[in-house]
Amino acid sequence: MLCPICKRNDVSIKGYGAQAICESCDRRALKADGGEPYTNSDYDEGDNPVFVDGHKCWRRYRFGGWIAFFDEWDCDTLEAFYKAMQRK
């Protein structure tokens, strides 16, 4: 699958569907105020949502890292995004 943001890079993350974005796009992620997103790998937590080239994305923090997902529905919360992904 191609990244839903750049449409160039392959994103092959089993079980996560077409919403996962590539690492190249994820490296450009910023908070809504334009600052760098907070992450704490010790506790698997960080900022949500993040924005990549103006596109809203949500990060799932797990095992000292994260996977970022494009939000095609413009959800207000992470929980709403998870529900939208389940309906797709």
PDB file of N, CA and C in Angstrom:
ATOM      1  N   MET A   1       0.839  -1.187   0.000  1.00  0.00           N
ATOM      2  CA  MET A   1       0.000   0.000   0.000  1.00  0.00           C
ATOM      3  C   MET A   1       0.879   1.243   0.000  1.00  0.00           C
ATOM      4  N   LEU A   2       0.394   2.261  -0.632  1.00  0.00           N
ATOM      5  CA  LEU A   2       1.114   3.523  -0.629  1.00  0.00           C
ATOM      6  C   LEU A   2       0.641   4.402   0.516  1.00  0.00           C
ATOM      7  N   CYS A   3       1.547   5.208   1.007  1.00  0.00           N
ATOM      8  CA  CYS A   3       1.227   6.149   2.074  1.00  0.00           C
ATOM      9  C   CYS A   3       0.076   7.057   1.633  1.00  0.00           C
ATOM     10  N   PRO A   4      -0.945   7.251   2.471  1.00  0.00           N
ATOM     11  CA  PRO A   4      -2.086   8.078   2.081  1.00  0.00           C
ATOM     12  C   PRO A   4      -1.751   9.573   1.991  1.00  0.00           C
ATOM     13  N   ILE A   5      -0.590   9.991   2.480  1.00  0.00           N
ATOM     14  CA  ILE A   5      -0.226  11.407   2.411  1.00  0.00           C
ATOM     15  C   ILE A   5       0.656  11.689   1.200  1.00  0.00           C
ATOM     16  N   CYS A   6       1.812  11.014   1.104  1.00  0.00           N
ATOM     17  CA  CYS A   6       2.748  11.321   0.013  1.00  0.00           C
ATOM     18  C   CYS A   6       2.464  10.524  -1.256  1.00  0.00           C
ATOM     19  N   LYS A   7       1.750   9.414  -1.140  1.00  0.00           N
ATOM     20  CA  LYS A   7       1.417   8.531  -2.271  1.00  0.00           C
ATOM     21  C   LYS A   7       2.654   7.957  -2.956  1.00  0.00           C
ATOM     22  N   ARG A   8       3.813   7.984  -2.264  1.00  0.00           N
ATOM     23  CA  ARG A   8       5.058   7.495  -2.859  1.00  0.00           C
ATOM     24  C   ARG A   8       5.599   6.269  -2.146  1.00  0.00           C
ATOM     25  N   ASN A   9       5.618   6.316  -0.845  1.00  0.00           N
ATOM     26  CA  ASN A   9       6.303   5.286  -0.073  1.00  0.00           C
ATOM     27  C   ASN A   9       5.378   4.141   0.307  1.00  0.00           C
ATOM     28  N   ASP A  10       5.938   2.947   0.265  1.00  0.00           N
ATOM     29  CA  ASP A  10       5.194   1.755   0.636  1.00  0.00           C
ATOM     30  C   ASP A  10       4.991   1.712   2.148  1.00  0.00           C
ATOM     31  N   VAL A  11       3.791   1.386   2.543  1.00  0.00           N
ATOM     32  CA  VAL A  11       3.462   1.222   3.959  1.00  0.00           C
ATOM     33  C   VAL A  11       2.860  -0.169   4.095  1.00  0.00           C
ATOM     34  N   SER A  12       3.625  -1.088   4.610  1.00  0.00           N
ATOM     35  CA  SER A  12       3.160  -2.465   4.755  1.00  0.00           C
ATOM     36  C   SER A  12       3.141  -2.826   6.229  1.00  0.00           C
ATOM     37  N   ILE A  13       2.080  -2.437   6.905  1.00  0.00           N
ATOM     38  CA  ILE A  13       1.926  -2.750   8.323  1.00  0.00           C
ATOM     39  C   ILE A  13       0.697  -3.632   8.453  1.00  0.00           C
ATOM     40  N   LYS A  14       0.928  -4.896   8.625  1.00  0.00           N
ATOM     41  CA  LYS A  14      -0.152  -5.877   8.661  1.00  0.00           C
ATOM     42  C   LYS A  14      -1.179  -5.526   9.729  1.00  0.00           C
ATOM     43  N   GLY A  15      -2.451  -5.539   9.328  1.00  0.00           N
ATOM     44  CA  GLY A  15      -3.538  -5.325  10.264  1.00  0.00           C
ATOM     45  C   GLY A  15      -3.922  -3.872  10.495  1.00  0.00           C
ATOM     46  N   TYR A  16      -3.245  -2.937   9.840  1.00  0.00           N
ATOM     47  CA  TYR A  16      -3.551  -1.531  10.091  1.00  0.00           C
ATOM     48  C   TYR A  16      -4.212  -0.824   8.916  1.00  0.00           C
ATOM     49  N   GLY A  17      -4.481  -1.514   7.855  1.00  0.00           N
ATOM     50  CA  GLY A  17      -5.224  -0.945   6.748  1.00  0.00           C
ATOM     51  C   GLY A  17      -4.532   0.213   6.062  1.00  0.00           C
ATOM     52  N   ALA A  18      -5.312   0.974   5.324  1.00  0.00           N
ATOM     53  CA  ALA A  18      -4.778   2.034   4.470  1.00  0.00           C
ATOM     54  C   ALA A  18      -4.501   3.334   5.211  1.00  0.00           C
ATOM     55  N   GLN A  19      -4.744   3.403   6.501  1.00  0.00           N
ATOM     56  CA  GLN A  19      -4.554   4.646   7.237  1.00  0.00           C
ATOM     57  C   GLN A  19      -3.110   4.882   7.674  1.00  0.00           C
ATOM     58  N   ALA A  20      -2.279   3.855   7.778  1.00  0.00           N
ATOM     59  CA  ALA A  20      -0.907   4.025   8.257  1.00  0.00           C
ATOM     60  C   ALA A  20      -0.115   4.894   7.289  1.00  0.00           C
ATOM     61  N   ILE A  21       0.698   5.803   7.843  1.00  0.00           N
ATOM     62  CA  ILE A  21       1.522   6.667   7.006  1.00  0.00           C
ATOM     63  C   ILE A  21       2.978   6.199   7.072  1.00  0.00           C
ATOM     64  N   CYS A  22       3.773   6.627   6.097  1.00  0.00           N
ATOM     65  CA  CYS A  22       5.166   6.201   6.026  1.00  0.00           C
ATOM     66  C   CYS A  22       6.027   6.976   7.030  1.00  0.00           C
ATOM     67  N   GLU A  23       7.204   6.431   7.304  1.00  0.00           N
ATOM     68  CA  GLU A  23       8.122   7.066   8.255  1.00  0.00           C
ATOM     69  C   GLU A  23       8.574   8.431   7.772  1.00  0.00           C
ATOM     70  N   SER A  24       8.745   8.588   6.474  1.00  0.00           N
ATOM     71  CA  SER A  24       9.172   9.874   5.921  1.00  0.00           C
ATOM     72  C   SER A  24       8.149  10.967   6.232  1.00  0.00           C
ATOM     73  N   CYS A  25       6.882  10.671   6.038  1.00  0.00           N
ATOM     74  CA  CYS A  25       5.827  11.643   6.364  1.00  0.00           C
ATOM     75  C   CYS A  25       5.744  11.853   7.870  1.00  0.00           C
ATOM     76  N   ASP A  26       5.852  10.769   8.635  1.00  0.00           N
ATOM     77  CA  ASP A  26       5.761  10.877  10.091  1.00  0.00           C
ATOM     78  C   ASP A  26       6.842  11.788  10.660  1.00  0.00           C
ATOM     79  N   ARG A  27       8.012  11.808  10.053  1.00  0.00           N
ATOM     80  CA  ARG A  27       9.094  12.676  10.541  1.00  0.00           C
ATOM     81  C   ARG A  27       8.752  14.163  10.403  1.00  0.00           C
ATOM     82  N   ARG A  28       7.773  14.504   9.576  1.00  0.00           N
ATOM     83  CA  ARG A  28       7.350  15.902   9.402  1.00  0.00           C
ATOM     84  C   ARG A  28       6.183  16.278  10.317  1.00  0.00           C
ATOM     85  N   ALA A  29       5.765  15.358  11.170  1.00  0.00           N
ATOM     86  CA  ALA A  29       4.601  15.594  12.035  1.00  0.00           C
ATOM     87  C   ALA A  29       4.872  16.717  13.032  1.00  0.00           C
ATOM     88  N   LEU A  30       3.850  17.561  13.205  1.00  0.00           N
ATOM     89  CA  LEU A  30       3.892  18.667  14.156  1.00  0.00           C
ATOM     90  C   LEU A  30       2.599  18.690  14.963  1.00  0.00           C
ATOM     91  N   LYS A  31       2.653  19.326  16.129  1.00  0.00           N
ATOM     92  CA  LYS A  31       1.421  19.561  16.899  1.00  0.00           C
ATOM     93  C   LYS A  31       0.610  20.655  16.209  1.00  0.00           C
ATOM     94  N   ALA A  32      -0.604  20.867  16.654  1.00  0.00           N
ATOM     95  CA  ALA A  32      -1.476  21.886  16.068  1.00  0.00           C
ATOM     96  C   ALA A  32      -0.857  23.280  16.137  1.00  0.00           C
ATOM     97  N   ASP A  33      -0.058  23.546  17.185  1.00  0.00           N
ATOM     98  CA  ASP A  33       0.563  24.867  17.317  1.00  0.00           C
ATOM     99  C   ASP A  33       1.875  24.986  16.543  1.00  0.00           C
ATOM    100  N   GLY A  34       2.244  23.944  15.789  1.00  0.00           N
ATOM    101  CA  GLY A  34       3.460  23.974  14.986  1.00  0.00           C
ATOM    102  C   GLY A  34       4.702  23.465  15.692  1.00  0.00           C
ATOM    103  N   GLY A  35       4.567  23.097  16.959  1.00  0.00           N
ATOM    104  CA  GLY A  35       5.706  22.589  17.719  1.00  0.00           C
ATOM    105  C   GLY A  35       5.951  21.110  17.494  1.00  0.00           C
ATOM    106  N   GLU A  36       7.095  20.653  17.980  1.00  0.00           N
ATOM    107  CA  GLU A  36       7.437  19.236  17.890  1.00  0.00           C
ATOM    108  C   GLU A  36       6.528  18.426  18.815  1.00  0.00           C
ATOM    109  N   PRO A  37       6.014  17.286  18.346  1.00  0.00           N
ATOM    110  CA  PRO A  37       5.180  16.443  19.197  1.00  0.00           C
ATOM    111  C   PRO A  37       5.977  15.839  20.348  1.00  0.00           C
ATOM    112  N   TYR A  38       5.353  15.788  21.496  1.00  0.00           N
ATOM    113  CA  TYR A  38       5.923  15.170  22.686  1.00  0.00           C
ATOM    114  C   TYR A  38       5.794  13.663  22.564  1.00  0.00           C
ATOM    115  N   THR A  39       6.837  12.939  22.898  1.00  0.00           N
ATOM    116  CA  THR A  39       6.777  11.486  23.004  1.00  0.00           C
ATOM    117  C   THR A  39       7.560  11.048  24.229  1.00  0.00           C
ATOM    118  N   ASN A  40       7.094  10.003  24.872  1.00  0.00           N
ATOM    119  CA  ASN A  40       7.771   9.435  26.025  1.00  0.00           C
ATOM    120  C   ASN A  40       7.815   7.931  25.818  1.00  0.00           C
ATOM    121  N   SER A  41       8.944   7.443  25.314  1.00  0.00           N
ATOM    122  CA  SER A  41       9.033   6.028  24.986  1.00  0.00           C
ATOM    123  C   SER A  41       9.012   5.132  26.218  1.00  0.00           C
ATOM    124  N   ASP A  42       9.344   5.674  27.385  1.00  0.00           N
ATOM    125  CA  ASP A  42       9.299   4.863  28.605  1.00  0.00           C
ATOM    126  C   ASP A  42       7.871   4.476  28.982  1.00  0.00           C
ATOM    127  N   TYR A  43       6.913   5.333  28.641  1.00  0.00           N
ATOM    128  CA  TYR A  43       5.517   5.089  29.025  1.00  0.00           C
ATOM    129  C   TYR A  43       4.578   4.946  27.833  1.00  0.00           C
ATOM    130  N   ASP A  44       5.143   4.822  26.631  1.00  0.00           N
ATOM    131  CA  ASP A  44       4.329   4.659  25.420  1.00  0.00           C
ATOM    132  C   ASP A  44       3.230   5.710  25.336  1.00  0.00           C
ATOM    133  N   GLU A  45       3.611   6.974  25.431  1.00  0.00           N
ATOM    134  CA  GLU A  45       2.632   8.053  25.337  1.00  0.00           C
ATOM    135  C   GLU A  45       3.205   9.210  24.538  1.00  0.00           C
ATOM    136  N   GLY A  46       2.305  10.063  24.064  1.00  0.00           N
ATOM    137  CA  GLY A  46       2.730  11.239  23.320  1.00  0.00           C
ATOM    138  C   GLY A  46       1.533  12.024  22.835  1.00  0.00           C
ATOM    139  N   ASP A  47       1.836  13.099  22.093  1.00  0.00           N
ATOM    140  CA  ASP A  47       0.793  14.015  21.617  1.00  0.00           C
ATOM    141  C   ASP A  47      -0.087  13.394  20.548  1.00  0.00           C
ATOM    142  N   ASN A  48      -1.344  13.775  20.575  1.00  0.00           N
ATOM    143  CA  ASN A  48      -2.351  13.436  19.578  1.00  0.00           C
ATOM    144  C   ASN A  48      -3.356  14.569  19.533  1.00  0.00           C
ATOM    145  N   PRO A  49      -3.864  14.934  18.367  1.00  0.00           N
ATOM    146  CA  PRO A  49      -3.383  14.495  17.070  1.00  0.00           C
ATOM    147  C   PRO A  49      -2.084  15.216  16.694  1.00  0.00           C
ATOM    148  N   VAL A  50      -1.481  14.741  15.607  1.00  0.00           N
ATOM    149  CA  VAL A  50      -0.355  15.430  14.993  1.00  0.00           C
ATOM    150  C   VAL A  50      -0.773  15.767  13.563  1.00  0.00           C
ATOM    151  N   PHE A  51      -0.036  16.672  12.936  1.00  0.00           N
ATOM    152  CA  PHE A  51      -0.382  17.106  11.584  1.00  0.00           C
ATOM    153  C   PHE A  51       0.828  16.965  10.671  1.00  0.00           C
ATOM    154  N   VAL A  52       0.594  16.390   9.498  1.00  0.00           N
ATOM    155  CA  VAL A  52       1.640  16.211   8.495  1.00  0.00           C
ATOM    156  C   VAL A  52       1.182  16.938   7.239  1.00  0.00           C
ATOM    157  N   ASP A  53       1.884  17.985   6.896  1.00  0.00           N
ATOM    158  CA  ASP A  53       1.528  18.786   5.712  1.00  0.00           C
ATOM    159  C   ASP A  53       0.055  19.207   5.756  1.00  0.00           C
ATOM    160  N   GLY A  54      -0.424  19.526   6.956  1.00  0.00           N
ATOM    161  CA  GLY A  54      -1.805  19.970   7.132  1.00  0.00           C
ATOM    162  C   GLY A  54      -2.825  18.852   7.298  1.00  0.00           C
ATOM    163  N   HIS A  55      -2.397  17.604   7.199  1.00  0.00           N
ATOM    164  CA  HIS A  55      -3.304  16.459   7.340  1.00  0.00           C
ATOM    165  C   HIS A  55      -3.290  15.957   8.775  1.00  0.00           C
ATOM    166  N   LYS A  56      -4.474  15.806   9.358  1.00  0.00           N
ATOM    167  CA  LYS A  56      -4.577  15.297  10.727  1.00  0.00           C
ATOM    168  C   LYS A  56      -4.233  13.820  10.767  1.00  0.00           C
ATOM    169  N   CYS A  57      -3.406  13.470  11.738  1.00  0.00           N
ATOM    170  CA  CYS A  57      -3.023  12.084  11.952  1.00  0.00           C
ATOM    171  C   CYS A  57      -3.075  11.789  13.446  1.00  0.00           C
ATOM    172  N   TRP A  58      -3.259  10.529  13.750  1.00  0.00           N
ATOM    173  CA  TRP A  58      -3.261  10.066  15.139  1.00  0.00           C
ATOM    174  C   TRP A  58      -2.149   9.054  15.292  1.00  0.00           C
ATOM    175  N   ARG A  59      -1.498   9.075  16.425  1.00  0.00           N
ATOM    176  CA  ARG A  59      -0.433   8.117  16.700  1.00  0.00           C
ATOM    177  C   ARG A  59      -0.884   7.110  17.756  1.00  0.00           C
ATOM    178  N   ARG A  60      -0.519   5.868  17.519  1.00  0.00           N
ATOM    179  CA  ARG A  60      -0.733   4.805  18.503  1.00  0.00           C
ATOM    180  C   ARG A  60       0.628   4.519  19.112  1.00  0.00           C
ATOM    181  N   TYR A  61       0.769   4.769  20.387  1.00  0.00           N
ATOM    182  CA  TYR A  61       2.031   4.581  21.091  1.00  0.00           C
ATOM    183  C   TYR A  61       2.044   3.206  21.745  1.00  0.00           C
ATOM    184  N   ARG A  62       3.055   2.416  21.382  1.00  0.00           N
ATOM    185  CA  ARG A  62       3.178   1.063  21.922  1.00  0.00           C
ATOM    186  C   ARG A  62       4.636   0.630  21.919  1.00  0.00           C
ATOM    187  N   PHE A  63       5.038  -0.065  22.973  1.00  0.00           N
ATOM    188  CA  PHE A  63       6.330  -0.735  23.035  1.00  0.00           C
ATOM    189  C   PHE A  63       7.499   0.198  22.713  1.00  0.00           C
ATOM    190  N   GLY A  64       7.462   1.421  23.228  1.00  0.00           N
ATOM    191  CA  GLY A  64       8.562   2.351  23.041  1.00  0.00           C
ATOM    192  C   GLY A  64       8.621   3.005  21.671  1.00  0.00           C
ATOM    193  N   GLY A  65       7.544   2.937  20.920  1.00  0.00           N
ATOM    194  CA  GLY A  65       7.503   3.548  19.592  1.00  0.00           C
ATOM    195  C   GLY A  65       6.079   3.915  19.234  1.00  0.00           C
ATOM    196  N   TRP A  66       5.842   4.223  17.980  1.00  0.00           N
ATOM    197  CA  TRP A  66       4.492   4.566  17.563  1.00  0.00           C
ATOM    198  C   TRP A  66       4.308   4.285  16.086  1.00  0.00           C
ATOM    199  N   ILE A  67       3.050   4.232  15.704  1.00  0.00           N
ATOM    200  CA  ILE A  67       2.619   4.160  14.311  1.00  0.00           C
ATOM    201  C   ILE A  67       1.653   5.316  14.130  1.00  0.00           C
ATOM    202  N   ALA A  68       1.822   6.066  13.052  1.00  0.00           N
ATOM    203  CA  ALA A  68       0.935   7.206  12.783  1.00  0.00           C
ATOM    204  C   ALA A  68      -0.057   6.833  11.690  1.00  0.00           C
ATOM    205  N   PHE A  69      -1.285   7.326  11.856  1.00  0.00           N
ATOM    206  CA  PHE A  69      -2.379   7.019  10.935  1.00  0.00           C
ATOM    207  C   PHE A  69      -3.035   8.293  10.435  1.00  0.00           C
ATOM    208  N   PHE A  70      -3.302   8.342   9.141  1.00  0.00           N
ATOM    209  CA  PHE A  70      -4.016   9.442   8.507  1.00  0.00           C
ATOM    210  C   PHE A  70      -5.495   9.380   8.904  1.00  0.00           C
ATOM    211  N   ASP A  71      -6.066  10.530   9.264  1.00  0.00           N
ATOM    212  CA  ASP A  71      -7.477  10.609   9.670  1.00  0.00           C
ATOM    213  C   ASP A  71      -8.304  11.192   8.532  1.00  0.00           C
ATOM    214  N   GLU A  72      -8.857  10.332   7.712  1.00  0.00           N
ATOM    215  CA  GLU A  72      -9.672  10.798   6.582  1.00  0.00           C
ATOM    216  C   GLU A  72     -11.040  11.304   7.016  1.00  0.00           C
ATOM    217  N   TRP A  73     -11.418  11.078   8.281  1.00  0.00           N
ATOM    218  CA  TRP A  73     -12.740  11.467   8.770  1.00  0.00           C
ATOM    219  C   TRP A  73     -12.707  12.736   9.609  1.00  0.00           C
ATOM    220  N   ASP A  74     -11.539  13.291   9.898  1.00  0.00           N
ATOM    221  CA  ASP A  74     -11.380  14.487  10.729  1.00  0.00           C
ATOM    222  C   ASP A  74     -12.048  14.306  12.095  1.00  0.00           C
ATOM    223  N   CYS A  75     -11.706  13.225  12.763  1.00  0.00           N
ATOM    224  CA  CYS A  75     -12.285  12.900  14.065  1.00  0.00           C
ATOM    225  C   CYS A  75     -11.824  13.884  15.141  1.00  0.00           C
ATOM    226  N   ASP A  76     -12.658  14.055  16.163  1.00  0.00           N
ATOM    227  CA  ASP A  76     -12.349  14.970  17.258  1.00  0.00           C
ATOM    228  C   ASP A  76     -11.495  14.335  18.350  1.00  0.00           C
ATOM    229  N   THR A  77     -11.546  13.009  18.460  1.00  0.00           N
ATOM    230  CA  THR A  77     -10.795  12.318  19.514  1.00  0.00           C
ATOM    231  C   THR A  77     -10.164  11.054  18.949  1.00  0.00           C
ATOM    232  N   LEU A  78      -9.186  10.545  19.666  1.00  0.00           N
ATOM    233  CA  LEU A  78      -8.555   9.287  19.283  1.00  0.00           C
ATOM    234  C   LEU A  78      -9.570   8.149  19.325  1.00  0.00           C
ATOM    235  N   GLU A  79     -10.436   8.159  20.312  1.00  0.00           N
ATOM    236  CA  GLU A  79     -11.455   7.114  20.429  1.00  0.00           C
ATOM    237  C   GLU A  79     -12.395   7.136  19.220  1.00  0.00           C
ATOM    238  N   ALA A  80     -12.798   8.328  18.788  1.00  0.00           N
ATOM    239  CA  ALA A  80     -13.660   8.443  17.601  1.00  0.00           C
ATOM    240  C   ALA A  80     -12.929   7.938  16.356  1.00  0.00           C
ATOM    241  N   PHE A  81     -11.630   8.209  16.282  1.00  0.00           N
ATOM    242  CA  PHE A  81     -10.846   7.719  15.141  1.00  0.00           C
ATOM    243  C   PHE A  81     -10.801   6.190  15.135  1.00  0.00           C
ATOM    244  N   TYR A  82     -10.556   5.580  16.291  1.00  0.00           N
ATOM    245  CA  TYR A  82     -10.539   4.127  16.370  1.00  0.00           C
ATOM    246  C   TYR A  82     -11.884   3.531  15.933  1.00  0.00           C
ATOM    247  N   LYS A  83     -12.981   4.143  16.341  1.00  0.00           N
ATOM    248  CA  LYS A  83     -14.311   3.668  15.945  1.00  0.00           C
ATOM    249  C   LYS A  83     -14.498   3.787  14.439  1.00  0.00           C
ATOM    250  N   ALA A  84     -14.057   4.903  13.851  1.00  0.00           N
ATOM    251  CA  ALA A  84     -14.173   5.095  12.403  1.00  0.00           C
ATOM    252  C   ALA A  84     -13.353   4.047  11.651  1.00  0.00           C
ATOM    253  N   MET A  85     -12.161   3.736  12.165  1.00  0.00           N
ATOM    254  CA  MET A  85     -11.330   2.711  11.524  1.00  0.00           C
ATOM    255  C   MET A  85     -12.009   1.346  11.568  1.00  0.00           C
ATOM    256  N   GLN A  86     -12.694   1.047  12.663  1.00  0.00           N
ATOM    257  CA  GLN A  86     -13.373  -0.243  12.796  1.00  0.00           C
ATOM    258  C   GLN A  86     -14.539  -0.370  11.823  1.00  0.00           C
ATOM    259  N   ARG A  87     -15.194   0.761  11.526  1.00  0.00           N
ATOM    260  CA  ARG A  87     -16.345   0.741  10.601  1.00  0.00           C
ATOM    261  C   ARG A  87     -15.901   0.589   9.154  1.00  0.00           C
ATOM    262  N   LYS A  88     -14.675   0.945   8.854  1.00  0.00           N
ATOM    263  CA  LYS A  88     -14.212   0.936   7.461  1.00  0.00           C
ATOM    264  C   LYS A  88     -14.026  -0.471   6.948  1.00  0.00           C
TER     265      LYS A  88
END
